[in-house]
C-alpha cells in the first residue's frame, strides 16, 4: 500500500505542502476532529442523536482542512494520491508528540 516508501518519506512529502502557519494550525485541530468523529461512528448506533455530534466533528474538521489549504495556496495532498488520507494522522502525531 505504501508503494515502497517509508512512513518518513510520506510524512516529508506531506509536510512540504503544510508550511503556512495557518495551515498547520487548522490541521492541528481538524485532523483529530476527523479521527475522533470516525471513532464515534460505532457508539452513534447505540446512543440516540449522538451521530449528530460525530457528523459535526467530521464536517468541521474537513472545513478546517480546506481553510488551511486555502491559506497554503495548494490543494490537499490526497487530491493527487488517496494514500495521503492515511498520512495526515501520522503527520499530526509526529508534530504533536515528536
N, C-alpha and C. Protein backbone atom coordinates (compact mmCIF):
# COMPACT_ATOMS: atom_id res chain seq x y z
N UNK A 1 0.81 -1.20 0.00
CA UNK A 1 0.00 0.00 0.00
C UNK A 1 0.85 1.26 0.00
N UNK A 2 2.01 1.20 0.62
CA UNK A 2 2.83 2.40 0.75
C UNK A 2 3.75 2.61 -0.44
N UNK A 3 3.68 1.76 -1.44
CA UNK A 3 4.43 1.97 -2.67
C UNK A 3 5.94 1.93 -2.50
N UNK A 4 6.43 1.14 -1.57
CA UNK A 4 7.86 1.02 -1.37
C UNK A 4 8.50 2.21 -0.68
N UNK A 5 7.69 3.10 -0.17
CA UNK A 5 8.20 4.28 0.54
C UNK A 5 8.02 4.09 2.03
N UNK A 6 8.89 4.72 2.81
CA UNK A 6 8.77 4.64 4.26
C UNK A 6 7.75 5.67 4.74
N UNK A 7 7.31 5.50 5.99
CA UNK A 7 6.42 6.50 6.58
C UNK A 7 7.08 7.86 6.60
N UNK A 8 8.38 7.89 6.88
CA UNK A 8 9.09 9.17 6.90
C UNK A 8 9.08 9.84 5.53
N UNK A 9 9.20 9.06 4.45
CA UNK A 9 9.12 9.63 3.10
C UNK A 9 7.75 10.27 2.87
N UNK A 10 6.70 9.55 3.25
CA UNK A 10 5.35 10.07 3.07
C UNK A 10 5.14 11.34 3.90
N UNK A 11 5.58 11.30 5.15
CA UNK A 11 5.40 12.45 6.04
C UNK A 11 6.19 13.65 5.54
N UNK A 12 7.39 13.42 5.02
CA UNK A 12 8.19 14.53 4.48
C UNK A 12 7.48 15.20 3.31
N UNK A 13 6.93 14.39 2.41
CA UNK A 13 6.20 14.97 1.28
C UNK A 13 4.95 15.70 1.75
N UNK A 14 4.26 15.12 2.70
CA UNK A 14 3.06 15.76 3.26
C UNK A 14 3.43 17.09 3.90
N UNK A 15 4.55 17.12 4.61
CA UNK A 15 4.99 18.33 5.30
C UNK A 15 5.30 19.47 4.33
N UNK A 16 5.78 19.13 3.14
CA UNK A 16 6.11 20.15 2.15
C UNK A 16 4.91 21.01 1.77
N UNK A 17 3.72 20.43 1.79
CA UNK A 17 2.53 21.20 1.43
C UNK A 17 1.77 21.69 2.67
N UNK A 18 2.45 21.69 3.80
CA UNK A 18 1.86 22.18 5.05
C UNK A 18 2.86 23.08 5.76
N UNK A 19 3.24 24.17 5.09
CA UNK A 19 4.24 25.09 5.61
C UNK A 19 3.65 26.35 6.23
N UNK A 20 2.53 26.80 5.71
CA UNK A 20 1.93 28.05 6.19
C UNK A 20 1.46 27.85 7.64
N UNK A 21 1.77 28.81 8.52
CA UNK A 21 1.37 28.67 9.93
C UNK A 21 -0.14 28.45 10.13
N UNK A 22 -0.96 29.12 9.31
CA UNK A 22 -2.41 28.94 9.45
C UNK A 22 -2.84 27.54 9.02
N UNK A 23 -2.19 27.01 8.00
CA UNK A 23 -2.50 25.64 7.57
C UNK A 23 -2.11 24.65 8.67
N UNK A 24 -0.96 24.85 9.26
CA UNK A 24 -0.54 23.97 10.36
C UNK A 24 -1.53 24.06 11.53
N UNK A 25 -1.97 25.27 11.84
CA UNK A 25 -2.91 25.46 12.95
C UNK A 25 -4.24 24.77 12.68
N UNK A 26 -4.79 24.98 11.49
CA UNK A 26 -6.09 24.36 11.19
C UNK A 26 -5.98 22.84 11.17
N UNK A 27 -4.84 22.32 10.74
CA UNK A 27 -4.65 20.87 10.75
C UNK A 27 -4.47 20.33 12.17
N UNK A 28 -3.89 21.12 13.05
CA UNK A 28 -3.73 20.68 14.44
C UNK A 28 -5.09 20.40 15.09
N UNK A 29 -6.11 21.11 14.66
CA UNK A 29 -7.45 20.88 15.20
C UNK A 29 -8.28 19.98 14.30
N UNK A 30 -8.18 20.19 12.98
CA UNK A 30 -9.01 19.45 12.04
C UNK A 30 -8.74 17.96 11.99
N UNK A 31 -7.47 17.58 11.99
CA UNK A 31 -7.13 16.15 11.90
C UNK A 31 -7.68 15.35 13.08
N UNK A 32 -7.44 15.79 14.33
CA UNK A 32 -8.01 14.99 15.43
C UNK A 32 -9.54 15.01 15.45
N UNK A 33 -10.15 16.11 14.99
CA UNK A 33 -11.61 16.14 14.94
C UNK A 33 -12.13 15.06 14.00
N UNK A 34 -11.50 14.93 12.85
CA UNK A 34 -11.91 13.90 11.88
C UNK A 34 -11.67 12.51 12.46
N UNK A 35 -10.52 12.31 13.07
CA UNK A 35 -10.19 10.99 13.64
C UNK A 35 -11.18 10.60 14.73
N UNK A 36 -11.49 11.53 15.62
CA UNK A 36 -12.45 11.24 16.70
C UNK A 36 -13.83 10.96 16.13
N UNK A 37 -14.22 11.73 15.11
CA UNK A 37 -15.55 11.52 14.52
C UNK A 37 -15.68 10.11 13.95
N UNK A 38 -14.61 9.61 13.35
CA UNK A 38 -14.64 8.25 12.80
C UNK A 38 -14.77 7.22 13.92
N UNK A 39 -14.05 7.45 15.02
CA UNK A 39 -14.15 6.54 16.16
C UNK A 39 -15.54 6.55 16.80
N UNK A 40 -16.25 7.66 16.66
CA UNK A 40 -17.57 7.79 17.28
C UNK A 40 -18.71 7.20 16.45
N UNK A 41 -18.40 6.71 15.26
CA UNK A 41 -19.45 6.15 14.41
C UNK A 41 -20.14 4.97 15.09
N UNK A 42 -19.38 4.04 15.63
CA UNK A 42 -19.98 2.85 16.26
C UNK A 42 -20.85 3.23 17.46
N UNK A 43 -20.36 4.04 18.41
CA UNK A 43 -21.23 4.42 19.53
C UNK A 43 -22.49 5.16 19.07
N UNK A 44 -22.40 5.81 17.92
CA UNK A 44 -23.56 6.56 17.41
C UNK A 44 -24.74 5.66 17.10
N UNK A 45 -24.47 4.38 16.83
CA UNK A 45 -25.57 3.45 16.57
C UNK A 45 -26.34 3.11 17.84
N UNK A 46 -25.73 3.33 18.99
CA UNK A 46 -26.33 2.92 20.25
C UNK A 46 -26.81 4.08 21.12
N UNK A 47 -26.36 5.28 20.82
CA UNK A 47 -26.75 6.46 21.61
C UNK A 47 -27.54 7.38 20.70
N UNK A 48 -28.81 7.54 21.03
CA UNK A 48 -29.69 8.35 20.21
C UNK A 48 -29.20 9.77 20.00
N UNK A 49 -29.15 10.19 18.76
CA UNK A 49 -28.75 11.55 18.43
C UNK A 49 -27.25 11.82 18.46
N UNK A 50 -26.48 10.83 18.92
CA UNK A 50 -25.03 11.01 19.04
C UNK A 50 -24.36 11.17 17.67
N UNK A 51 -24.99 10.62 16.64
CA UNK A 51 -24.44 10.71 15.29
C UNK A 51 -24.29 12.16 14.86
N UNK A 52 -25.16 13.04 15.38
CA UNK A 52 -25.07 14.46 15.01
C UNK A 52 -23.74 15.06 15.49
N UNK A 53 -23.33 14.67 16.68
CA UNK A 53 -22.05 15.14 17.22
C UNK A 53 -20.90 14.63 16.36
N UNK A 54 -20.92 13.34 16.03
CA UNK A 54 -19.87 12.75 15.19
C UNK A 54 -19.83 13.41 13.82
N UNK A 55 -21.00 13.61 13.23
CA UNK A 55 -21.07 14.26 11.92
C UNK A 55 -20.57 15.70 11.99
N UNK A 56 -20.94 16.40 13.05
CA UNK A 56 -20.47 17.78 13.23
C UNK A 56 -18.96 17.86 13.31
N UNK A 57 -18.36 16.97 14.09
CA UNK A 57 -16.89 16.94 14.18
C UNK A 57 -16.26 16.66 12.82
N UNK A 58 -16.84 15.72 12.10
CA UNK A 58 -16.31 15.35 10.79
C UNK A 58 -16.36 16.53 9.82
N UNK A 59 -17.51 17.18 9.75
CA UNK A 59 -17.69 18.29 8.81
C UNK A 59 -16.79 19.47 9.19
N UNK A 60 -16.79 19.86 10.45
CA UNK A 60 -15.96 20.99 10.88
C UNK A 60 -14.48 20.66 10.69
N UNK A 61 -14.09 19.44 10.98
CA UNK A 61 -12.69 19.04 10.77
C UNK A 61 -12.26 19.20 9.33
N UNK A 62 -13.12 18.78 8.39
CA UNK A 62 -12.78 18.92 6.98
C UNK A 62 -12.81 20.38 6.54
N UNK A 63 -13.73 21.15 7.07
CA UNK A 63 -13.75 22.58 6.74
C UNK A 63 -12.44 23.22 7.17
N UNK A 64 -11.97 22.89 8.36
CA UNK A 64 -10.68 23.42 8.82
C UNK A 64 -9.54 23.01 7.89
N UNK A 65 -9.57 21.77 7.42
CA UNK A 65 -8.53 21.31 6.49
C UNK A 65 -8.50 22.18 5.23
N UNK A 66 -9.67 22.42 4.66
CA UNK A 66 -9.72 23.18 3.41
C UNK A 66 -9.42 24.66 3.62
N UNK A 67 -9.79 25.21 4.77
CA UNK A 67 -9.40 26.59 5.09
C UNK A 67 -7.87 26.68 5.15
N UNK A 68 -7.24 25.73 5.80
CA UNK A 68 -5.79 25.72 5.88
C UNK A 68 -5.13 25.65 4.51
N UNK A 69 -5.67 24.84 3.64
CA UNK A 69 -5.10 24.72 2.30
C UNK A 69 -5.36 25.97 1.47
N UNK A 70 -6.41 26.69 1.76
CA UNK A 70 -6.64 27.97 1.10
C UNK A 70 -5.50 28.93 1.46
N UNK A 71 -5.15 28.99 2.73
CA UNK A 71 -4.02 29.82 3.15
C UNK A 71 -2.72 29.34 2.51
N UNK A 72 -2.55 28.05 2.43
CA UNK A 72 -1.33 27.46 1.87
C UNK A 72 -1.21 27.74 0.37
N UNK A 73 -2.37 27.83 -0.28
CA UNK A 73 -2.36 28.05 -1.73
C UNK A 73 -2.09 26.78 -2.52
N UNK A 74 -2.28 25.64 -1.87
CA UNK A 74 -2.07 24.34 -2.51
C UNK A 74 -3.24 23.43 -2.19
N UNK A 75 -3.59 22.54 -3.13
CA UNK A 75 -4.66 21.59 -2.81
C UNK A 75 -4.15 20.53 -1.83
N UNK A 76 -5.07 19.89 -1.12
CA UNK A 76 -4.66 18.80 -0.23
C UNK A 76 -3.94 17.69 -1.00
N UNK A 77 -2.97 17.08 -0.36
CA UNK A 77 -2.16 16.03 -0.99
C UNK A 77 -3.01 14.85 -1.45
N UNK A 78 -4.10 14.56 -0.74
CA UNK A 78 -4.90 13.39 -1.12
C UNK A 78 -5.58 13.57 -2.46
N UNK A 79 -5.61 14.80 -2.98
CA UNK A 79 -6.21 15.03 -4.30
C UNK A 79 -5.34 14.40 -5.40
N UNK A 80 -4.04 14.26 -5.13
CA UNK A 80 -3.18 13.63 -6.14
C UNK A 80 -2.90 12.16 -5.82
N UNK A 81 -3.06 11.78 -4.55
CA UNK A 81 -2.83 10.38 -4.16
C UNK A 81 -3.64 10.10 -2.89
N UNK A 82 -4.62 9.23 -3.01
CA UNK A 82 -5.53 8.94 -1.89
C UNK A 82 -4.79 8.47 -0.64
N UNK A 83 -3.60 7.91 -0.81
CA UNK A 83 -2.88 7.37 0.35
C UNK A 83 -2.50 8.44 1.36
N UNK A 84 -2.50 9.70 0.92
CA UNK A 84 -2.20 10.77 1.86
C UNK A 84 -3.30 10.93 2.92
N UNK A 85 -4.47 10.37 2.67
CA UNK A 85 -5.52 10.38 3.70
C UNK A 85 -5.06 9.62 4.94
N UNK A 86 -4.18 8.64 4.76
CA UNK A 86 -3.68 7.85 5.88
C UNK A 86 -2.42 8.45 6.50
N UNK A 87 -1.82 9.42 5.82
CA UNK A 87 -0.58 10.04 6.29
C UNK A 87 -0.87 11.17 7.27
N UNK A 88 -2.00 11.86 7.08
CA UNK A 88 -2.31 13.03 7.90
C UNK A 88 -2.27 12.78 9.39
N UNK A 89 -2.83 11.68 9.83
CA UNK A 89 -2.83 11.37 11.27
C UNK A 89 -1.42 11.12 11.78
N UNK A 90 -0.61 10.42 11.00
CA UNK A 90 0.79 10.19 11.39
C UNK A 90 1.56 11.51 11.47
N UNK A 91 1.30 12.39 10.50
CA UNK A 91 1.94 13.72 10.50
C UNK A 91 1.55 14.49 11.75
N UNK A 92 0.25 14.45 12.08
CA UNK A 92 -0.25 15.16 13.26
C UNK A 92 0.40 14.61 14.53
N UNK A 93 0.50 13.29 14.63
CA UNK A 93 1.11 12.69 15.82
C UNK A 93 2.58 13.07 15.93
N UNK A 94 3.27 13.09 14.81
CA UNK A 94 4.69 13.46 14.83
C UNK A 94 4.85 14.92 15.24
N UNK A 95 3.99 15.80 14.72
CA UNK A 95 4.05 17.22 15.08
C UNK A 95 3.68 17.45 16.54
N UNK A 96 2.71 16.72 17.02
CA UNK A 96 2.19 16.93 18.37
C UNK A 96 3.04 16.26 19.44
N UNK A 97 3.45 15.04 19.19
CA UNK A 97 4.14 14.26 20.22
C UNK A 97 5.62 13.99 19.94
N UNK A 98 6.08 14.43 18.77
CA UNK A 98 7.51 14.27 18.45
C UNK A 98 7.92 13.00 17.92
